[in-house]
Full PDB file with SEQRES, HELIX, SHEET, SSBOND, CRYST1, ORIGX, SCALE, CONECT and MASTER records, all heavy atoms in Angstrom:
SEQRES   1 A   33  SER MET ALA GLU ALA GLY ALA LEU ALA LEU HIS ARG GLU          
SEQRES   2 A   33  PRO THR ASP ILE ALA GLU LEU ALA ALA ASP SER VAL ALA          
SEQRES   3 A   33  SER PHE ARG THR GLN ALA ASP                                  
HELIX    1 AA1 MET A    2  ALA A    5  1                                   4    
HELIX    2 AA2 ILE A   17  SER A   27  1                                  11    
HELIX    3 AA3 ARG A   29  ALA A   32  1                                   4    
CRYST1    1.000    1.000    1.000  90.00  90.00  90.00 P 1           1          
ORIGX1      1.000000  0.000000  0.000000        0.00000                         
ORIGX2      0.000000  1.000000  0.000000        0.00000                         
ORIGX3      0.000000  0.000000  1.000000        0.00000                         
SCALE1      1.000000  0.000000  0.000000        0.00000                         
SCALE2      0.000000  1.000000  0.000000        0.00000                         
SCALE3      0.000000  0.000000  1.000000        0.00000                         
ATOM      1  N   SER A   1      87.581 131.214 141.356  1.00  0.00           N  
ATOM      2  CA  SER A   1      88.070 131.083 142.716  1.00  0.00           C  
ATOM      3  C   SER A   1      87.122 131.674 143.778  1.00  0.00           C  
ATOM      4  O   SER A   1      86.813 131.053 144.766  1.00  0.00           O  
ATOM      5  CB  SER A   1      89.500 131.744 142.829  1.00  0.00           C  
ATOM      6  OG  SER A   1      89.425 133.108 142.697  1.00  0.00           O  
ATOM      7  N   MET A   2      86.523 132.838 143.370  1.00  0.00           N  
ATOM      8  CA  MET A   2      85.565 133.385 144.339  1.00  0.00           C  
ATOM      9  C   MET A   2      84.331 132.612 144.418  1.00  0.00           C  
ATOM     10  O   MET A   2      83.813 132.408 145.506  1.00  0.00           O  
ATOM     11  CB  MET A   2      85.315 134.877 143.911  1.00  0.00           C  
ATOM     12  CG  MET A   2      86.432 135.881 144.005  1.00  0.00           C  
ATOM     13  SD  MET A   2      85.962 137.551 143.471  1.00  0.00           S  
ATOM     14  CE  MET A   2      84.793 137.967 144.741  1.00  0.00           C  
ATOM     15  N   ALA A   3      83.808 132.114 143.309  1.00  0.00           N  
ATOM     16  CA  ALA A   3      82.639 131.378 143.337  1.00  0.00           C  
ATOM     17  C   ALA A   3      82.789 129.980 144.111  1.00  0.00           C  
ATOM     18  O   ALA A   3      81.982 129.681 144.957  1.00  0.00           O  
ATOM     19  CB  ALA A   3      82.073 131.001 141.953  1.00  0.00           C  
ATOM     20  N   GLU A   4      83.957 129.430 143.938  1.00  0.00           N  
ATOM     21  CA  GLU A   4      84.250 128.063 144.621  1.00  0.00           C  
ATOM     22  C   GLU A   4      84.399 128.395 146.192  1.00  0.00           C  
ATOM     23  O   GLU A   4      84.238 127.437 146.935  1.00  0.00           O  
ATOM     24  CB  GLU A   4      85.304 127.411 144.027  1.00  0.00           C  
ATOM     25  CG  GLU A   4      85.187 126.943 142.631  1.00  0.00           C  
ATOM     26  CD  GLU A   4      86.265 126.079 142.072  1.00  0.00           C  
ATOM     27  OE1 GLU A   4      87.393 126.268 142.545  1.00  0.00           O  
ATOM     28  OE2 GLU A   4      86.104 125.401 140.969  1.00  0.00           O  
ATOM     29  N   ALA A   5      84.973 129.499 146.460  1.00  0.00           N  
ATOM     30  CA  ALA A   5      85.193 129.866 147.905  1.00  0.00           C  
ATOM     31  C   ALA A   5      83.891 130.422 148.598  1.00  0.00           C  
ATOM     32  O   ALA A   5      83.978 130.627 149.832  1.00  0.00           O  
ATOM     33  CB  ALA A   5      86.360 130.881 148.079  1.00  0.00           C  
ATOM     34  N   GLY A   6      82.946 130.584 147.770  1.00  0.00           N  
ATOM     35  CA  GLY A   6      81.736 131.014 148.320  1.00  0.00           C  
ATOM     36  C   GLY A   6      81.722 132.575 148.687  1.00  0.00           C  
ATOM     37  O   GLY A   6      80.904 133.144 149.437  1.00  0.00           O  
ATOM     38  N   ALA A   7      82.691 133.357 148.051  1.00  0.00           N  
ATOM     39  CA  ALA A   7      82.961 134.707 148.403  1.00  0.00           C  
ATOM     40  C   ALA A   7      82.455 135.621 147.246  1.00  0.00           C  
ATOM     41  O   ALA A   7      82.620 136.803 147.253  1.00  0.00           O  
ATOM     42  CB  ALA A   7      84.353 134.954 148.561  1.00  0.00           C  
ATOM     43  N   LEU A   8      81.675 135.002 146.199  1.00  0.00           N  
ATOM     44  CA  LEU A   8      81.258 135.770 145.122  1.00  0.00           C  
ATOM     45  C   LEU A   8      79.956 136.496 145.479  1.00  0.00           C  
ATOM     46  O   LEU A   8      79.024 135.958 145.852  1.00  0.00           O  
ATOM     47  CB  LEU A   8      81.091 134.884 143.958  1.00  0.00           C  
ATOM     48  CG  LEU A   8      80.654 135.605 142.486  1.00  0.00           C  
ATOM     49  CD1 LEU A   8      81.826 136.401 142.008  1.00  0.00           C  
ATOM     50  CD2 LEU A   8      80.174 134.575 141.422  1.00  0.00           C  
ATOM     51  N   ALA A   9      79.975 137.835 145.314  1.00  0.00           N  
ATOM     52  CA  ALA A   9      78.911 138.636 145.558  1.00  0.00           C  
ATOM     53  C   ALA A   9      77.753 138.477 144.467  1.00  0.00           C  
ATOM     54  O   ALA A   9      78.160 138.907 143.324  1.00  0.00           O  
ATOM     55  CB  ALA A   9      79.268 140.078 145.896  1.00  0.00           C  
ATOM     56  N   LEU A  10      76.630 138.156 144.858  1.00  0.00           N  
ATOM     57  CA  LEU A  10      75.466 138.048 143.881  1.00  0.00           C  
ATOM     58  C   LEU A  10      74.543 139.233 144.036  1.00  0.00           C  
ATOM     59  O   LEU A  10      74.082 139.398 145.180  1.00  0.00           O  
ATOM     60  CB  LEU A  10      74.831 136.796 143.949  1.00  0.00           C  
ATOM     61  CG  LEU A  10      75.654 135.462 143.638  1.00  0.00           C  
ATOM     62  CD1 LEU A  10      74.734 134.268 143.927  1.00  0.00           C  
ATOM     63  CD2 LEU A  10      76.188 135.487 142.278  1.00  0.00           C  
ATOM     64  N   HIS A  11      74.374 140.003 143.112  1.00  0.00           N  
ATOM     65  CA  HIS A  11      73.308 141.093 143.105  1.00  0.00           C  
ATOM     66  C   HIS A  11      72.019 140.621 142.647  1.00  0.00           C  
ATOM     67  O   HIS A  11      71.615 140.783 141.445  1.00  0.00           O  
ATOM     68  CB  HIS A  11      73.896 142.280 142.375  1.00  0.00           C  
ATOM     69  CG  HIS A  11      75.373 142.784 142.853  1.00  0.00           C  
ATOM     70  ND1 HIS A  11      75.476 143.422 143.946  1.00  0.00           N  
ATOM     71  CD2 HIS A  11      76.479 142.560 142.207  1.00  0.00           C  
ATOM     72  CE1 HIS A  11      76.644 143.679 144.216  1.00  0.00           C  
ATOM     73  NE2 HIS A  11      77.442 143.274 143.051  1.00  0.00           N  
ATOM     74  N   ARG A  12      71.339 139.988 143.542  1.00  0.00           N  
ATOM     75  CA  ARG A  12      70.029 139.349 143.118  1.00  0.00           C  
ATOM     76  C   ARG A  12      68.925 140.268 142.842  1.00  0.00           C  
ATOM     77  O   ARG A  12      68.852 141.311 143.609  1.00  0.00           O  
ATOM     78  CB  ARG A  12      69.504 138.344 144.169  1.00  0.00           C  
ATOM     79  CG  ARG A  12      70.564 137.181 144.370  1.00  0.00           C  
ATOM     80  CD  ARG A  12      70.070 136.273 145.468  1.00  0.00           C  
ATOM     81  NE  ARG A  12      70.979 135.122 145.703  1.00  0.00           N  
ATOM     82  CZ  ARG A  12      70.677 133.955 145.190  1.00  0.00           C  
ATOM     83  NH1 ARG A  12      69.712 133.715 144.356  1.00  0.00           N  
ATOM     84  NH2 ARG A  12      71.536 132.894 145.456  1.00  0.00           N  
ATOM     85  N   GLU A  13      68.074 140.088 141.982  1.00  0.00           N  
ATOM     86  CA  GLU A  13      66.963 140.798 141.716  1.00  0.00           C  
ATOM     87  C   GLU A  13      65.895 140.039 140.992  1.00  0.00           C  
ATOM     88  O   GLU A  13      66.288 138.981 140.231  1.00  0.00           O  
ATOM     89  CB  GLU A  13      67.196 142.160 140.840  1.00  0.00           C  
ATOM     90  CG  GLU A  13      67.809 141.778 139.557  1.00  0.00           C  
ATOM     91  CD  GLU A  13      68.284 143.021 138.897  1.00  0.00           C  
ATOM     92  OE1 GLU A  13      69.210 143.796 139.261  1.00  0.00           O  
ATOM     93  OE2 GLU A  13      67.535 143.413 137.874  1.00  0.00           O  
ATOM     94  N   PRO A  14      64.611 140.254 141.034  1.00  0.00           N  
ATOM     95  CA  PRO A  14      63.608 139.563 140.360  1.00  0.00           C  
ATOM     96  C   PRO A  14      63.854 139.540 138.874  1.00  0.00           C  
ATOM     97  O   PRO A  14      63.959 140.631 138.251  1.00  0.00           O  
ATOM     98  CB  PRO A  14      62.256 140.173 140.720  1.00  0.00           C  
ATOM     99  CG  PRO A  14      62.586 140.804 142.027  1.00  0.00           C  
ATOM    100  CD  PRO A  14      63.993 141.241 141.956  1.00  0.00           C  
ATOM    101  N   THR A  15      63.991 138.320 138.244  1.00  0.00           N  
ATOM    102  CA  THR A  15      64.460 138.310 136.806  1.00  0.00           C  
ATOM    103  C   THR A  15      63.513 137.373 135.977  1.00  0.00           C  
ATOM    104  O   THR A  15      63.224 136.366 136.502  1.00  0.00           O  
ATOM    105  CB  THR A  15      65.872 137.936 136.688  1.00  0.00           C  
ATOM    106  OG1 THR A  15      66.741 138.728 137.540  1.00  0.00           O  
ATOM    107  CG2 THR A  15      66.376 137.848 135.241  1.00  0.00           C  
ATOM    108  N   ASP A  16      63.182 137.785 134.813  1.00  0.00           N  
ATOM    109  CA  ASP A  16      62.444 136.972 133.894  1.00  0.00           C  
ATOM    110  C   ASP A  16      63.552 136.162 133.145  1.00  0.00           C  
ATOM    111  O   ASP A  16      64.164 136.736 132.244  1.00  0.00           O  
ATOM    112  CB  ASP A  16      61.647 137.795 132.954  1.00  0.00           C  
ATOM    113  CG  ASP A  16      60.784 136.995 132.053  1.00  0.00           C  
ATOM    114  OD1 ASP A  16      61.053 135.769 131.741  1.00  0.00           O  
ATOM    115  OD2 ASP A  16      59.692 137.566 131.555  1.00  0.00           O  
ATOM    116  N   ILE A  17      63.679 134.863 133.422  1.00  0.00           N  
ATOM    117  CA  ILE A  17      64.720 134.048 132.837  1.00  0.00           C  
ATOM    118  C   ILE A  17      64.412 133.873 131.263  1.00  0.00           C  
ATOM    119  O   ILE A  17      65.321 133.809 130.504  1.00  0.00           O  
ATOM    120  CB  ILE A  17      64.755 132.740 133.476  1.00  0.00           C  
ATOM    121  CG1 ILE A  17      65.292 132.900 134.899  1.00  0.00           C  
ATOM    122  CG2 ILE A  17      65.825 131.832 132.738  1.00  0.00           C  
ATOM    123  CD1 ILE A  17      66.729 133.575 135.022  1.00  0.00           C  
ATOM    124  N   ALA A  18      63.127 133.766 130.939  1.00  0.00           N  
ATOM    125  CA  ALA A  18      62.835 133.600 129.431  1.00  0.00           C  
ATOM    126  C   ALA A  18      63.319 134.958 128.704  1.00  0.00           C  
ATOM    127  O   ALA A  18      63.891 134.791 127.709  1.00  0.00           O  
ATOM    128  CB  ALA A  18      61.311 133.503 129.316  1.00  0.00           C  
ATOM    129  N   GLU A  19      63.071 136.029 129.196  1.00  0.00           N  
ATOM    130  CA  GLU A  19      63.541 137.371 128.693  1.00  0.00           C  
ATOM    131  C   GLU A  19      65.108 137.414 128.617  1.00  0.00           C  
ATOM    132  O   GLU A  19      65.707 137.775 127.594  1.00  0.00           O  
ATOM    133  CB  GLU A  19      63.015 138.569 129.372  1.00  0.00           C  
ATOM    134  CG  GLU A  19      63.342 139.887 128.725  1.00  0.00           C  
ATOM    135  CD  GLU A  19      62.789 141.044 129.483  1.00  0.00           C  
ATOM    136  OE1 GLU A  19      61.847 140.752 130.240  1.00  0.00           O  
ATOM    137  OE2 GLU A  19      63.264 142.102 129.212  1.00  0.00           O  
ATOM    138  N   LEU A  20      65.682 136.977 129.701  1.00  0.00           N  
ATOM    139  CA  LEU A  20      67.205 136.860 129.695  1.00  0.00           C  
ATOM    140  C   LEU A  20      67.767 135.871 128.681  1.00  0.00           C  
ATOM    141  O   LEU A  20      68.732 136.306 128.052  1.00  0.00           O  
ATOM    142  CB  LEU A  20      67.657 136.480 131.175  1.00  0.00           C  
ATOM    143  CG  LEU A  20      69.136 136.382 131.442  1.00  0.00           C  
ATOM    144  CD1 LEU A  20      69.659 137.932 131.342  1.00  0.00           C  
ATOM    145  CD2 LEU A  20      69.369 135.738 132.840  1.00  0.00           C  
ATOM    146  N   ALA A  21      67.129 134.828 128.545  1.00  0.00           N  
ATOM    147  CA  ALA A  21      67.488 133.844 127.580  1.00  0.00           C  
ATOM    148  C   ALA A  21      67.377 134.347 126.163  1.00  0.00           C  
ATOM    149  O   ALA A  21      68.196 134.226 125.332  1.00  0.00           O  
ATOM    150  CB  ALA A  21      66.768 132.473 127.696  1.00  0.00           C  
ATOM    151  N   ALA A  22      66.277 135.093 125.968  1.00  0.00           N  
ATOM    152  CA  ALA A  22      66.017 135.740 124.549  1.00  0.00           C  
ATOM    153  C   ALA A  22      67.140 136.858 124.234  1.00  0.00           C  
ATOM    154  O   ALA A  22      67.625 136.836 123.168  1.00  0.00           O  
ATOM    155  CB  ALA A  22      64.619 136.345 124.521  1.00  0.00           C  
ATOM    156  N   ASP A  23      67.486 137.554 125.233  1.00  0.00           N  
ATOM    157  CA  ASP A  23      68.464 138.544 125.040  1.00  0.00           C  
ATOM    158  C   ASP A  23      69.892 137.943 124.845  1.00  0.00           C  
ATOM    159  O   ASP A  23      70.648 138.345 123.952  1.00  0.00           O  
ATOM    160  CB  ASP A  23      68.615 139.487 126.301  1.00  0.00           C  
ATOM    161  CG  ASP A  23      67.390 140.407 126.518  1.00  0.00           C  
ATOM    162  OD1 ASP A  23      66.624 140.520 125.627  1.00  0.00           O  
ATOM    163  OD2 ASP A  23      67.190 140.845 127.579  1.00  0.00           O  
ATOM    164  N   SER A  24      70.192 136.772 125.502  1.00  0.00           N  
ATOM    165  CA  SER A  24      71.498 136.117 125.245  1.00  0.00           C  
ATOM    166  C   SER A  24      71.443 135.509 123.882  1.00  0.00           C  
ATOM    167  O   SER A  24      72.517 135.603 123.293  1.00  0.00           O  
ATOM    168  CB  SER A  24      71.654 134.942 126.349  1.00  0.00           C  
ATOM    169  OG  SER A  24      71.655 135.580 127.617  1.00  0.00           O  
ATOM    170  N   VAL A  25      70.422 135.029 123.437  1.00  0.00           N  
ATOM    171  CA  VAL A  25      70.390 134.416 122.056  1.00  0.00           C  
ATOM    172  C   VAL A  25      70.491 135.527 121.031  1.00  0.00           C  
ATOM    173  O   VAL A  25      71.170 135.335 120.087  1.00  0.00           O  
ATOM    174  CB  VAL A  25      68.943 133.595 121.845  1.00  0.00           C  
ATOM    175  CG1 VAL A  25      68.747 133.335 120.456  1.00  0.00           C  
ATOM    176  CG2 VAL A  25      68.942 132.438 122.704  1.00  0.00           C  
ATOM    177  N   ALA A  26      69.801 136.640 121.311  1.00  0.00           N  
ATOM    178  CA  ALA A  26      69.934 137.745 120.365  1.00  0.00           C  
ATOM    179  C   ALA A  26      71.440 138.277 120.314  1.00  0.00           C  
ATOM    180  O   ALA A  26      71.790 138.616 119.112  1.00  0.00           O  
ATOM    181  CB  ALA A  26      69.030 138.968 120.841  1.00  0.00           C  
ATOM    182  N   SER A  27      72.292 138.169 121.315  1.00  0.00           N  
ATOM    183  CA  SER A  27      73.604 138.640 121.177  1.00  0.00           C  
ATOM    184  C   SER A  27      74.479 137.752 120.448  1.00  0.00           C  
ATOM    185  O   SER A  27      75.553 138.027 120.060  1.00  0.00           O  
ATOM    186  CB  SER A  27      74.111 138.923 122.730  1.00  0.00           C  
ATOM    187  OG  SER A  27      74.227 137.673 123.343  1.00  0.00           O  
ATOM    188  N   PHE A  28      74.053 136.495 120.296  1.00  0.00           N  
ATOM    189  CA  PHE A  28      74.866 135.510 119.635  1.00  0.00           C  
ATOM    190  C   PHE A  28      74.430 135.232 118.123  1.00  0.00           C  
ATOM    191  O   PHE A  28      74.769 134.481 117.416  1.00  0.00           O  
ATOM    192  CB  PHE A  28      74.793 134.180 120.396  1.00  0.00           C  
ATOM    193  CG  PHE A  28      75.824 134.032 121.555  1.00  0.00           C  
ATOM    194  CD1 PHE A  28      75.512 134.479 122.789  1.00  0.00           C  
ATOM    195  CD2 PHE A  28      77.147 133.654 121.204  1.00  0.00           C  
ATOM    196  CE1 PHE A  28      76.356 134.492 123.809  1.00  0.00           C  
ATOM    197  CE2 PHE A  28      78.058 133.509 122.230  1.00  0.00           C  
ATOM    198  CZ  PHE A  28      77.717 133.969 123.551  1.00  0.00           C  
ATOM    199  N   ARG A  29      73.310 136.082 117.777  1.00  0.00           N  
ATOM    200  CA  ARG A  29      72.645 135.823 116.496  1.00  0.00           C  
ATOM    201  C   ARG A  29      73.542 136.043 115.369  1.00  0.00           C  
ATOM    202  O   ARG A  29      73.612 135.171 114.460  1.00  0.00           O  
ATOM    203  CB  ARG A  29      71.550 136.801 116.398  1.00  0.00           C  
ATOM    204  CG  ARG A  29      70.662 136.523 115.106  1.00  0.00           C  
ATOM    205  CD  ARG A  29      69.809 135.356 115.170  1.00  0.00           C  
ATOM    206  NE  ARG A  29      68.840 135.318 116.276  1.00  0.00           N  
ATOM    207  CZ  ARG A  29      68.050 134.393 116.469  1.00  0.00           C  
ATOM    208  NH1 ARG A  29      68.223 133.148 115.877  1.00  0.00           N  
ATOM    209  NH2 ARG A  29      67.136 134.467 117.500  1.00  0.00           N  
ATOM    210  N   THR A  30      74.413 137.124 115.455  1.00  0.00           N  
ATOM    211  CA  THR A  30      75.408 137.381 114.331  1.00  0.00           C  
ATOM    212  C   THR A  30      76.404 136.276 114.209  1.00  0.00           C  
ATOM    213  O   THR A  30      76.705 135.751 113.114  1.00  0.00           O  
ATOM    214  CB  THR A  30      75.992 138.629 114.499  1.00  0.00           C  
ATOM    215  OG1 THR A  30      75.071 139.832 114.638  1.00  0.00           O  
ATOM    216  CG2 THR A  30      76.993 139.025 113.377  1.00  0.00           C  
ATOM    217  N   GLN A  31      76.876 135.806 115.373  1.00  0.00           N  
ATOM    218  CA  GLN A  31      77.857 134.728 115.326  1.00  0.00           C  
ATOM    219  C   GLN A  31      77.399 133.464 114.790  1.00  0.00           C  
ATOM    220  O   GLN A  31      78.036 132.661 113.989  1.00  0.00           O  
ATOM    221  CB  GLN A  31      78.402 134.547 116.813  1.00  0.00           C  
ATOM    222  CG  GLN A  31      79.541 133.441 116.795  1.00  0.00           C  
ATOM    223  CD  GLN A  31      79.917 133.104 118.226  1.00  0.00           C  
ATOM    224  OE1 GLN A  31      79.789 134.053 119.068  1.00  0.00           O  
ATOM    225  NE2 GLN A  31      80.519 132.038 118.545  1.00  0.00           N  
ATOM    226  N   ALA A  32      76.043 133.240 115.144  1.00  0.00           N  
ATOM    227  CA  ALA A  32      75.412 131.995 114.699  1.00  0.00           C  
ATOM    228  C   ALA A  32      75.124 132.011 113.246  1.00  0.00           C  
ATOM    229  O   ALA A  32      75.320 131.008 112.469  1.00  0.00           O  
ATOM    230  CB  ALA A  32      74.190 131.758 115.485  1.00  0.00           C  
ATOM    231  N   ASP A  33      74.658 133.141 112.741  1.00  0.00           N  
ATOM    232  CA  ASP A  33      74.373 133.381 111.263  1.00  0.00           C  
ATOM    233  C   ASP A  33      75.657 133.142 110.489  1.00  0.00           C  
ATOM    234  O   ASP A  33      75.752 132.493 109.443  1.00  0.00           O  
ATOM    235  CB  ASP A  33      73.725 134.742 111.044  1.00  0.00           C  
ATOM    236  CG  ASP A  33      72.457 134.726 111.627  1.00  0.00           C  
ATOM    237  OD1 ASP A  33      71.880 133.780 111.869  1.00  0.00           O  
ATOM    238  OD2 ASP A  33      71.923 135.911 111.705  1.00  0.00           O  
TER     239      ASP A  33                                                      
MASTER        0    0    0    3    0    0    0    6  238    1    0    3          
END                                                                             
């Protein structure tokens, strides 16, 4: 509801998306195995 209303606060910072994707994949490694 907050996102659709444009009221969601985003705490932006310079981010390496490739590293973020690798961390997300690592957190699902056990479930995938």
